[in-house]
Amino acid sequence: MGGPLTASSYDESTSAFGDGRQNGTEVGTGYSERIVVKKARRILFLRVQDIDRIEAAGNYVRLWLPGGCHLLRSTISGIEKKLDPAHFLRIHRSIIVNVHRIREIETTSSGDYYAVLEDGTRAKWSRGYRDRLHDFLGQQN
């Protein structure tokens, strides 16, 4: 098992989620605590709690953190299953937000809703996920 870490040995030994212990999950919860992202010649370990939002990009997702954006090969549905629903909420078929980063909910005269995050990003809350808005608001009271 020794020797240098190559891209192929990394791919074989580590999944996109995790850090090598407990498959990246918090003990007892089954949800990812860290996400492993390959970027250029580095392997980054991102704490899930630091993610502001996640956007679908085909067979990839964009992970938005305060320090920038990282691309990960995963579908939005795939990553959603790895995230604790108490902390992450899918608000659109292509957007998941960290509920702790929601600063406010805006409504428009046409009845649309937007989640405004702490960094000022406005993410549309689609009608198909509106029931999750009501559940979210119910939990906040």
Protein backbone atom coordinates (compact mmCIF):
# COMPACT_ATOMS: atom_id res chain seq x y z
CA MET A 1 0.00 0.00 0.00
CA GLY A 2 2.95 2.39 0.14
CA GLY A 3 4.27 4.62 -2.61
CA PRO A 4 3.21 7.96 -3.99
CA LEU A 5 -0.41 8.93 -4.29
CA THR A 6 -1.33 9.01 -7.95
CA ALA A 7 -4.59 10.10 -9.54
CA SER A 8 -5.56 6.50 -10.27
CA SER A 9 -4.72 5.23 -6.79
CA TYR A 10 -6.60 8.19 -5.32
CA ASP A 11 -9.67 7.39 -7.44
CA GLU A 12 -9.54 3.75 -6.38
CA SER A 13 -9.11 4.43 -2.68
CA THR A 14 -11.25 7.49 -1.99
CA SER A 15 -14.77 8.39 -2.96
CA ALA A 16 -15.89 11.95 -3.70
CA PHE A 17 -17.41 12.10 -0.25
CA GLY A 18 -15.39 11.53 2.82
CA ASP A 19 -12.04 11.74 4.40
CA GLY A 20 -11.02 8.13 4.77
CA ARG A 21 -12.56 7.58 8.18
CA GLN A 22 -16.12 6.44 8.51
CA ASN A 23 -16.48 7.12 4.75
CA GLY A 24 -16.63 10.85 5.50
CA THR A 25 -19.75 10.53 7.56
CA GLU A 26 -20.43 11.85 10.96
CA VAL A 27 -20.53 8.91 13.34
CA GLY A 28 -24.14 7.78 13.73
CA THR A 29 -25.76 10.13 11.20
CA GLY A 30 -24.84 8.59 7.85
CA TYR A 31 -24.38 12.06 6.31
CA SER A 32 -21.14 13.43 4.90
CA GLU A 33 -19.05 15.66 7.10
CA ARG A 34 -16.44 16.49 4.46
CA ILE A 35 -16.29 16.38 0.68
CA VAL A 36 -13.12 15.54 -1.21
CA VAL A 37 -12.50 17.64 -4.33
CA LYS A 38 -9.62 17.28 -6.76
CA LYS A 39 -8.46 20.64 -8.06
CA ALA A 40 -5.44 20.87 -10.36
CA ARG A 41 -2.62 19.16 -8.47
CA ARG A 42 -4.29 19.27 -5.07
CA ILE A 43 -6.85 17.25 -3.16
CA LEU A 44 -9.07 19.47 -1.03
CA PHE A 45 -11.09 18.39 1.99
CA LEU A 46 -14.07 20.73 2.26
CA ARG A 47 -16.19 20.83 5.38
CA VAL A 48 -19.84 20.40 4.45
CA GLN A 49 -20.89 23.00 7.01
CA ASP A 50 -18.85 25.63 5.10
CA ILE A 51 -20.87 25.20 1.88
CA ASP A 52 -23.24 28.09 1.11
CA ARG A 53 -25.05 26.50 -1.82
CA ILE A 54 -24.76 23.79 -4.43
CA GLU A 55 -25.77 24.22 -8.07
CA ALA A 56 -26.23 21.52 -10.71
CA ALA A 57 -23.98 21.67 -13.75
CA GLY A 58 -24.79 18.61 -15.86
CA ASN A 59 -23.01 15.59 -14.36
CA TYR A 60 -21.18 17.95 -12.01
CA VAL A 61 -22.16 20.22 -9.15
CA ARG A 62 -20.70 23.58 -8.19
CA LEU A 63 -19.97 23.87 -4.49
CA TRP A 64 -20.07 27.53 -3.44
CA LEU A 65 -18.11 28.39 -0.31
CA PRO A 66 -17.06 31.79 1.06
CA GLY A 67 -13.63 31.35 -0.57
CA GLY A 68 -14.90 30.47 -4.03
CA CYS A 69 -16.39 27.72 -6.13
CA HIS A 70 -15.33 24.09 -6.59
CA LEU A 71 -16.52 21.64 -9.24
CA LEU A 72 -17.32 18.07 -8.20
CA ARG A 73 -18.32 15.15 -10.41
CA SER A 74 -21.70 14.26 -8.93
CA THR A 75 -25.32 14.85 -9.75
CA ILE A 76 -27.40 17.15 -7.60
CA SER A 77 -29.55 14.18 -6.54
CA GLY A 78 -26.45 12.18 -5.64
CA ILE A 79 -25.00 14.87 -3.41
CA GLU A 80 -28.41 15.63 -1.86
CA LYS A 81 -28.55 12.07 -0.48
CA LYS A 82 -25.22 12.61 1.29
CA LEU A 83 -26.26 15.85 3.02
CA ASP A 84 -28.11 16.17 6.30
CA PRO A 85 -31.61 17.51 5.52
CA ALA A 86 -31.55 19.38 8.83
CA HIS A 87 -28.79 21.57 7.33
CA PHE A 88 -29.34 21.48 3.57
CA LEU A 89 -32.53 22.10 1.65
CA ARG A 90 -33.25 21.61 -2.03
CA ILE A 91 -35.18 24.65 -3.20
CA HIS A 92 -35.02 24.09 -6.96
CA ARG A 93 -34.27 21.15 -9.22
CA SER A 94 -30.78 22.57 -9.63
CA ILE A 95 -30.12 24.30 -6.27
CA ILE A 96 -29.48 23.13 -2.71
CA VAL A 97 -28.84 25.72 0.01
CA ASN A 98 -27.33 25.55 3.47
CA VAL A 99 -30.27 26.58 5.68
CA HIS A 100 -27.88 28.28 8.11
CA ARG A 101 -26.84 30.65 5.31
CA ILE A 102 -30.36 31.88 4.51
CA ARG A 103 -30.62 35.51 5.59
CA GLU A 104 -34.16 36.14 4.34
CA ILE A 105 -36.90 34.98 1.98
CA GLU A 106 -38.05 37.51 -0.62
CA THR A 107 -41.38 37.38 -2.40
CA THR A 108 -42.23 39.08 -5.66
CA SER A 109 -45.53 40.49 -6.91
CA SER A 110 -45.78 37.51 -9.28
CA GLY A 111 -45.68 35.09 -6.35
CA ASP A 112 -42.09 33.92 -6.78
CA TYR A 113 -39.87 33.28 -3.78
CA TYR A 114 -36.13 33.81 -3.45
CA ALA A 115 -33.80 32.63 -0.71
CA VAL A 116 -31.32 35.42 -0.03
CA LEU A 117 -28.10 34.04 1.40
CA GLU A 118 -25.69 35.78 3.76
CA ASP A 119 -23.38 36.65 0.86
CA GLY A 120 -26.26 38.39 -0.97
CA THR A 121 -26.89 35.61 -3.50
CA ARG A 122 -30.55 35.31 -4.52
CA ALA A 123 -31.58 31.73 -5.29
CA LYS A 124 -35.02 31.11 -6.79
CA TRP A 125 -37.27 28.85 -4.74
CA SER A 126 -39.23 27.04 -7.43
CA ARG A 127 -42.92 26.24 -7.16
CA GLY A 128 -42.22 22.51 -7.27
CA TYR A 129 -40.30 22.79 -4.00
CA ARG A 130 -42.70 25.22 -2.32
CA ASP A 131 -43.88 22.58 0.18
CA ARG A 132 -40.31 22.51 1.52
CA LEU A 133 -40.56 26.26 2.12
CA HIS A 134 -43.59 25.78 4.34
CA ASP A 135 -41.84 22.94 6.20
CA PHE A 136 -38.74 25.12 6.61
CA LEU A 137 -40.74 28.07 7.93
CA GLY A 138 -42.61 25.79 10.33
CA GLN A 139 -39.30 24.58 11.79
CA GLN A 140 -38.06 28.14 12.31
CA ASN A 141 -40.91 29.07 14.67
